[in-house]
Amino acid sequence: MNIQKNIKVLIVDDEPNILLSLEFLMKKEGFIVFIARDGEEAFDIINREKPRIVLLDIMMPKVDGYEVCKFIKSNKDTSDTKVVFLSAKSKEADIEKGYSIGADLYIPKPFSTRDLVKKINMMAAGVVA
């Protein structure tokens, strides 16, 4: 039972395989999915589509995930957007930095896709992951 028929999810990652697999997973769950390959593309989609949830890599060309998160959280139109960092940066300091700039969830790579889908569904339903 998919309850999130109108929920927009933006996936931002510069790794094509991750983009493809996450796009497939989120569409399978019934989300409206957008993808961006870097932070600049993400800004355009965020401004245009106002996604409810953003799955965000940190290390990307042009603009990194930290800057994208700061942009989302500081903009009155998107400050309620849920930001989920998916990053290979898994040191405690990296995770703390992610939360300190506004991440709602920080999941180190590699991650379980089943757990990720469960947490995103909980976010979409309004339950804190």
N, C-alpha and C. Protein backbone atom coordinates (compact mmCIF):
# COMPACT_ATOMS: atom_id res chain seq x y z
N MET A 1 0.84 -1.19 0.00
CA MET A 1 0.00 0.00 0.00
C MET A 1 0.88 1.25 0.00
N ASN A 2 0.85 1.99 -1.07
CA ASN A 2 1.65 3.21 -1.17
C ASN A 2 0.78 4.42 -0.89
N ILE A 3 1.10 5.14 0.17
CA ILE A 3 0.30 6.30 0.53
C ILE A 3 0.89 7.60 0.00
N GLN A 4 2.12 7.54 -0.51
CA GLN A 4 2.81 8.77 -0.89
C GLN A 4 2.71 9.10 -2.38
N LYS A 5 1.52 9.03 -2.94
CA LYS A 5 1.36 9.24 -4.37
C LYS A 5 1.79 10.62 -4.85
N ASN A 6 1.66 11.64 -4.01
CA ASN A 6 1.98 13.00 -4.48
C ASN A 6 3.22 13.56 -3.81
N ILE A 7 3.99 12.74 -3.16
CA ILE A 7 5.18 13.24 -2.47
C ILE A 7 6.38 13.24 -3.41
N LYS A 8 7.00 14.41 -3.52
CA LYS A 8 8.16 14.57 -4.40
C LYS A 8 9.44 14.29 -3.63
N VAL A 9 10.30 13.46 -4.25
CA VAL A 9 11.60 13.14 -3.69
C VAL A 9 12.66 13.53 -4.71
N LEU A 10 13.67 14.26 -4.24
CA LEU A 10 14.81 14.61 -5.09
C LEU A 10 16.01 13.80 -4.63
N ILE A 11 16.67 13.14 -5.59
CA ILE A 11 17.88 12.37 -5.31
C ILE A 11 19.05 13.12 -5.94
N VAL A 12 20.04 13.47 -5.11
CA VAL A 12 21.19 14.24 -5.60
C VAL A 12 22.46 13.43 -5.34
N ASP A 13 23.09 12.97 -6.42
CA ASP A 13 24.32 12.18 -6.30
C ASP A 13 25.04 12.22 -7.63
N ASP A 14 26.36 12.22 -7.59
CA ASP A 14 27.13 12.26 -8.84
C ASP A 14 27.50 10.86 -9.32
N GLU A 15 27.07 9.84 -8.62
CA GLU A 15 27.36 8.44 -8.99
C GLU A 15 26.16 7.86 -9.74
N PRO A 16 26.28 7.62 -11.05
CA PRO A 16 25.13 7.17 -11.85
C PRO A 16 24.44 5.91 -11.32
N ASN A 17 25.20 4.93 -10.83
CA ASN A 17 24.58 3.69 -10.35
C ASN A 17 23.71 3.94 -9.13
N ILE A 18 24.16 4.83 -8.26
CA ILE A 18 23.36 5.15 -7.07
C ILE A 18 22.09 5.88 -7.49
N LEU A 19 22.23 6.84 -8.40
CA LEU A 19 21.05 7.56 -8.90
C LEU A 19 20.02 6.60 -9.47
N LEU A 20 20.48 5.70 -10.33
CA LEU A 20 19.56 4.76 -10.97
C LEU A 20 18.86 3.85 -9.98
N SER A 21 19.62 3.29 -9.04
CA SER A 21 19.01 2.35 -8.09
C SER A 21 18.06 3.07 -7.13
N LEU A 22 18.44 4.26 -6.66
CA LEU A 22 17.55 4.99 -5.76
C LEU A 22 16.30 5.49 -6.49
N GLU A 23 16.49 5.93 -7.73
CA GLU A 23 15.33 6.36 -8.52
C GLU A 23 14.34 5.21 -8.68
N PHE A 24 14.85 4.04 -9.02
CA PHE A 24 14.00 2.86 -9.17
C PHE A 24 13.26 2.54 -7.87
N LEU A 25 14.01 2.51 -6.76
CA LEU A 25 13.42 2.19 -5.46
C LEU A 25 12.33 3.17 -5.06
N MET A 26 12.60 4.45 -5.21
CA MET A 26 11.63 5.46 -4.78
C MET A 26 10.38 5.46 -5.67
N LYS A 27 10.57 5.26 -6.99
CA LYS A 27 9.41 5.17 -7.89
C LYS A 27 8.57 3.94 -7.54
N LYS A 28 9.25 2.84 -7.22
CA LYS A 28 8.55 1.62 -6.85
C LYS A 28 7.68 1.84 -5.60
N GLU A 29 8.13 2.73 -4.72
CA GLU A 29 7.38 3.04 -3.50
C GLU A 29 6.25 4.06 -3.75
N GLY A 30 6.17 4.57 -4.97
CA GLY A 30 5.08 5.47 -5.31
C GLY A 30 5.40 6.95 -5.21
N PHE A 31 6.67 7.30 -5.03
CA PHE A 31 7.05 8.70 -4.96
C PHE A 31 7.19 9.30 -6.36
N ILE A 32 7.05 10.62 -6.45
CA ILE A 32 7.38 11.36 -7.67
C ILE A 32 8.87 11.69 -7.53
N VAL A 33 9.69 11.22 -8.46
CA VAL A 33 11.14 11.29 -8.29
C VAL A 33 11.79 12.24 -9.28
N PHE A 34 12.72 13.04 -8.76
CA PHE A 34 13.56 13.92 -9.56
C PHE A 34 15.00 13.56 -9.24
N ILE A 35 15.90 13.72 -10.22
CA ILE A 35 17.31 13.43 -9.95
C ILE A 35 18.17 14.61 -10.38
N ALA A 36 19.25 14.81 -9.63
CA ALA A 36 20.24 15.83 -9.95
C ALA A 36 21.61 15.19 -9.78
N ARG A 37 22.55 15.57 -10.64
CA ARG A 37 23.90 14.99 -10.62
C ARG A 37 24.91 15.84 -9.87
N ASP A 38 24.48 17.05 -9.48
CA ASP A 38 25.36 17.91 -8.68
C ASP A 38 24.50 18.95 -7.97
N GLY A 39 25.15 19.74 -7.11
CA GLY A 39 24.43 20.71 -6.31
C GLY A 39 23.75 21.81 -7.13
N GLU A 40 24.37 22.21 -8.23
CA GLU A 40 23.76 23.25 -9.06
C GLU A 40 22.45 22.78 -9.67
N GLU A 41 22.43 21.55 -10.19
CA GLU A 41 21.19 20.98 -10.71
C GLU A 41 20.16 20.88 -9.59
N ALA A 42 20.62 20.51 -8.40
CA ALA A 42 19.71 20.38 -7.26
C ALA A 42 19.02 21.70 -6.95
N PHE A 43 19.78 22.81 -6.97
CA PHE A 43 19.18 24.13 -6.69
C PHE A 43 18.01 24.40 -7.63
N ASP A 44 18.21 24.14 -8.92
CA ASP A 44 17.17 24.39 -9.92
C ASP A 44 15.92 23.57 -9.62
N ILE A 45 16.10 22.29 -9.34
CA ILE A 45 14.95 21.41 -9.09
C ILE A 45 14.26 21.78 -7.77
N ILE A 46 15.03 22.10 -6.75
CA ILE A 46 14.45 22.49 -5.46
C ILE A 46 13.59 23.74 -5.64
N ASN A 47 14.11 24.73 -6.34
CA ASN A 47 13.35 25.96 -6.56
C ASN A 47 12.08 25.72 -7.38
N ARG A 48 12.18 24.85 -8.37
CA ARG A 48 11.05 24.61 -9.27
C ARG A 48 10.02 23.66 -8.68
N GLU A 49 10.47 22.56 -8.08
CA GLU A 49 9.56 21.48 -7.68
C GLU A 49 9.20 21.43 -6.20
N LYS A 50 10.01 22.07 -5.35
CA LYS A 50 9.79 22.05 -3.89
C LYS A 50 9.57 20.62 -3.36
N PRO A 51 10.57 19.74 -3.52
CA PRO A 51 10.39 18.36 -3.04
C PRO A 51 10.20 18.31 -1.53
N ARG A 52 9.50 17.29 -1.05
CA ARG A 52 9.28 17.12 0.39
C ARG A 52 10.48 16.46 1.04
N ILE A 53 11.17 15.58 0.28
CA ILE A 53 12.32 14.85 0.81
C ILE A 53 13.47 14.95 -0.20
N VAL A 54 14.69 15.20 0.30
CA VAL A 54 15.87 15.24 -0.55
C VAL A 54 16.89 14.23 -0.03
N LEU A 55 17.26 13.28 -0.89
CA LEU A 55 18.33 12.31 -0.58
C LEU A 55 19.59 12.91 -1.18
N LEU A 56 20.58 13.17 -0.33
CA LEU A 56 21.66 14.05 -0.73
C LEU A 56 23.04 13.47 -0.42
N ASP A 57 23.85 13.35 -1.46
CA ASP A 57 25.26 12.99 -1.29
C ASP A 57 26.00 14.24 -0.82
N ILE A 58 27.14 14.07 -0.18
CA ILE A 58 27.92 15.24 0.27
C ILE A 58 29.00 15.60 -0.74
N MET A 59 29.80 14.62 -1.13
CA MET A 59 30.94 14.90 -2.02
C MET A 59 30.50 14.86 -3.48
N MET A 60 30.33 16.07 -4.05
CA MET A 60 29.90 16.20 -5.44
C MET A 60 30.65 17.36 -6.08
N PRO A 61 30.73 17.35 -7.43
CA PRO A 61 31.38 18.48 -8.11
C PRO A 61 30.53 19.75 -8.00
N LYS A 62 31.16 20.89 -8.21
CA LYS A 62 30.53 22.22 -8.24
C LYS A 62 30.06 22.67 -6.87
N VAL A 63 28.97 22.11 -6.38
CA VAL A 63 28.42 22.50 -5.07
C VAL A 63 28.21 21.24 -4.26
N ASP A 64 28.76 21.19 -3.04
CA ASP A 64 28.63 19.96 -2.25
C ASP A 64 27.29 19.88 -1.52
N GLY A 65 27.05 18.73 -0.94
CA GLY A 65 25.79 18.47 -0.25
C GLY A 65 25.55 19.37 0.94
N TYR A 66 26.62 19.74 1.64
CA TYR A 66 26.46 20.64 2.79
C TYR A 66 25.83 21.96 2.34
N GLU A 67 26.33 22.50 1.21
CA GLU A 67 25.79 23.77 0.71
C GLU A 67 24.34 23.63 0.27
N VAL A 68 24.01 22.49 -0.34
CA VAL A 68 22.62 22.25 -0.76
C VAL A 68 21.72 22.19 0.47
N CYS A 69 22.15 21.50 1.51
CA CYS A 69 21.37 21.40 2.74
C CYS A 69 21.16 22.78 3.37
N LYS A 70 22.23 23.57 3.44
CA LYS A 70 22.11 24.93 4.00
C LYS A 70 21.10 25.76 3.20
N PHE A 71 21.16 25.63 1.88
CA PHE A 71 20.23 26.35 1.00
C PHE A 71 18.78 25.95 1.30
N ILE A 72 18.54 24.65 1.40
CA ILE A 72 17.18 24.15 1.66
C ILE A 72 16.67 24.67 2.99
N LYS A 73 17.47 24.53 4.02
CA LYS A 73 17.03 24.87 5.37
C LYS A 73 16.92 26.37 5.61
N SER A 74 17.63 27.19 4.83
CA SER A 74 17.59 28.64 5.04
C SER A 74 16.53 29.34 4.18
N ASN A 75 15.90 28.61 3.27
CA ASN A 75 14.90 29.17 2.37
C ASN A 75 13.50 28.93 2.96
N LYS A 76 12.72 29.99 3.16
CA LYS A 76 11.43 29.83 3.83
C LYS A 76 10.48 28.90 3.07
N ASP A 77 10.62 28.80 1.75
CA ASP A 77 9.75 27.93 0.96
C ASP A 77 10.11 26.45 1.08
N THR A 78 11.34 26.16 1.52
CA THR A 78 11.79 24.76 1.56
C THR A 78 12.31 24.33 2.93
N SER A 79 12.22 25.19 3.93
CA SER A 79 12.83 24.87 5.23
C SER A 79 12.20 23.64 5.89
N ASP A 80 10.98 23.26 5.49
CA ASP A 80 10.34 22.06 6.05
C ASP A 80 10.73 20.79 5.30
N THR A 81 11.47 20.94 4.21
CA THR A 81 11.91 19.79 3.41
C THR A 81 12.81 18.90 4.27
N LYS A 82 12.58 17.60 4.20
CA LYS A 82 13.41 16.63 4.93
C LYS A 82 14.67 16.37 4.12
N VAL A 83 15.82 16.49 4.77
CA VAL A 83 17.10 16.25 4.11
C VAL A 83 17.73 15.00 4.70
N VAL A 84 18.04 14.04 3.83
CA VAL A 84 18.68 12.79 4.23
C VAL A 84 20.04 12.72 3.54
N PHE A 85 21.11 12.82 4.32
CA PHE A 85 22.44 12.66 3.74
C PHE A 85 22.73 11.18 3.56
N LEU A 86 23.20 10.82 2.36
CA LEU A 86 23.69 9.48 2.05
C LEU A 86 25.13 9.69 1.64
N SER A 87 26.07 9.35 2.51
CA SER A 87 27.44 9.74 2.24
C SER A 87 28.46 8.70 2.66
N ALA A 88 29.56 8.65 1.90
CA ALA A 88 30.69 7.80 2.28
C ALA A 88 31.47 8.44 3.43
N LYS A 89 31.20 9.71 3.71
CA LYS A 89 31.84 10.39 4.84
C LYS A 89 31.15 9.90 6.12
N SER A 90 31.80 8.94 6.77
CA SER A 90 31.11 8.28 7.89
C SER A 90 31.78 8.50 9.24
N LYS A 91 32.75 9.41 9.31
CA LYS A 91 33.36 9.73 10.59
C LYS A 91 32.37 10.49 11.45
N GLU A 92 32.53 10.36 12.75
CA GLU A 92 31.63 11.03 13.69
C GLU A 92 31.54 12.54 13.41
N ALA A 93 32.68 13.17 13.10
CA ALA A 93 32.69 14.61 12.83
C ALA A 93 31.86 14.96 11.58
N ASP A 94 31.92 14.11 10.57
CA ASP A 94 31.13 14.34 9.35
C ASP A 94 29.64 14.26 9.65
N ILE A 95 29.27 13.23 10.42
CA ILE A 95 27.87 13.03 10.77
C ILE A 95 27.36 14.20 11.62
N GLU A 96 28.18 14.61 12.60
CA GLU A 96 27.80 15.76 13.44
C GLU A 96 27.62 17.02 12.60
N LYS A 97 28.53 17.24 11.64
CA LYS A 97 28.42 18.42 10.77
C LYS A 97 27.11 18.37 9.98
N GLY A 98 26.79 17.20 9.46
CA GLY A 98 25.54 17.04 8.70
C GLY A 98 24.32 17.43 9.53
N TYR A 99 24.26 16.92 10.74
CA TYR A 99 23.12 17.25 11.61
C TYR A 99 23.16 18.72 12.03
N SER A 100 24.35 19.27 12.24
CA SER A 100 24.45 20.65 12.71
C SER A 100 23.97 21.66 11.68
N ILE A 101 24.03 21.30 10.39
CA ILE A 101 23.55 22.24 9.37
C ILE A 101 22.12 21.95 8.93
N GLY A 102 21.48 20.98 9.60
CA GLY A 102 20.05 20.81 9.37
C GLY A 102 19.58 19.48 8.83
N ALA A 103 20.47 18.50 8.66
CA ALA A 103 20.02 17.20 8.14
C ALA A 103 19.00 16.58 9.09
N ASP A 104 18.02 15.93 8.53
CA ASP A 104 17.02 15.22 9.33
C ASP A 104 17.47 13.79 9.59
N LEU A 105 18.34 13.28 8.73
CA LEU A 105 18.85 11.93 8.86
C LEU A 105 20.19 11.85 8.14
N TYR A 106 21.11 11.06 8.68
CA TYR A 106 22.43 10.89 8.06
C TYR A 106 22.69 9.40 7.99
N ILE A 107 22.80 8.88 6.77
CA ILE A 107 23.01 7.45 6.57
C ILE A 107 24.33 7.23 5.84
N PRO A 108 25.32 6.62 6.51
CA PRO A 108 26.61 6.38 5.85
C PRO A 108 26.48 5.32 4.75
N LYS A 109 27.25 5.51 3.67
CA LYS A 109 27.35 4.49 2.61
C LYS A 109 28.42 3.49 3.02
N PRO A 110 28.30 2.24 2.66
CA PRO A 110 27.13 1.63 2.01
C PRO A 110 25.98 1.48 3.00
N PHE A 111 24.77 1.48 2.49
CA PHE A 111 23.60 1.39 3.35
C PHE A 111 22.67 0.30 2.85
N SER A 112 21.79 -0.13 3.72
CA SER A 112 20.78 -1.12 3.36
C SER A 112 19.64 -0.41 2.64
N THR A 113 19.35 -0.80 1.41
CA THR A 113 18.25 -0.15 0.69
C THR A 113 16.92 -0.41 1.38
N ARG A 114 16.76 -1.58 1.98
CA ARG A 114 15.50 -1.89 2.68
C ARG A 114 15.31 -0.93 3.85
N ASP A 115 16.37 -0.70 4.63
CA ASP A 115 16.28 0.23 5.76
C ASP A 115 16.02 1.65 5.26
N LEU A 116 16.70 2.04 4.17
CA LEU A 116 16.49 3.37 3.63
C LEU A 116 15.04 3.57 3.21
N VAL A 117 14.49 2.62 2.47
CA VAL A 117 13.10 2.72 2.01
C VAL A 117 12.16 2.83 3.22
N LYS A 118 12.42 2.02 4.24
CA LYS A 118 11.58 2.05 5.45
C LYS A 118 11.62 3.44 6.10
N LYS A 119 12.82 4.00 6.23
CA LYS A 119 12.96 5.32 6.86
C LYS A 119 12.32 6.42 6.02
N ILE A 120 12.47 6.34 4.70
CA ILE A 120 11.86 7.36 3.82
C ILE A 120 10.34 7.26 3.88
N ASN A 121 9.81 6.06 3.90
CA ASN A 121 8.37 5.89 4.03
C ASN A 121 7.85 6.46 5.35
N MET A 122 8.63 6.27 6.43
CA MET A 122 8.25 6.83 7.72
C MET A 122 8.26 8.35 7.67
N MET A 123 9.28 8.92 7.04
CA MET A 123 9.34 10.38 6.88
C MET A 123 8.13 10.88 6.10
N ALA A 124 7.84 10.19 5.02
CA ALA A 124 6.73 10.60 4.14
C ALA A 124 5.40 10.55 4.88
N ALA A 125 5.29 9.59 5.79
CA ALA A 125 4.03 9.44 6.55
C ALA A 125 3.99 10.41 7.73
N GLY A 126 5.08 11.17 7.93
CA GLY A 126 5.09 12.13 9.01
C GLY A 126 5.62 11.59 10.32
N VAL A 127 6.15 10.37 10.28
CA VAL A 127 6.73 9.76 11.47
C VAL A 127 8.24 10.04 11.41
N VAL A 128 8.80 10.51 12.49
CA VAL A 128 10.24 10.78 12.51
C VAL A 128 11.00 9.47 12.41
N ALA A 129 11.97 9.40 11.50
CA ALA A 129 12.71 8.15 11.27
C ALA A 129 13.60 7.78 12.43
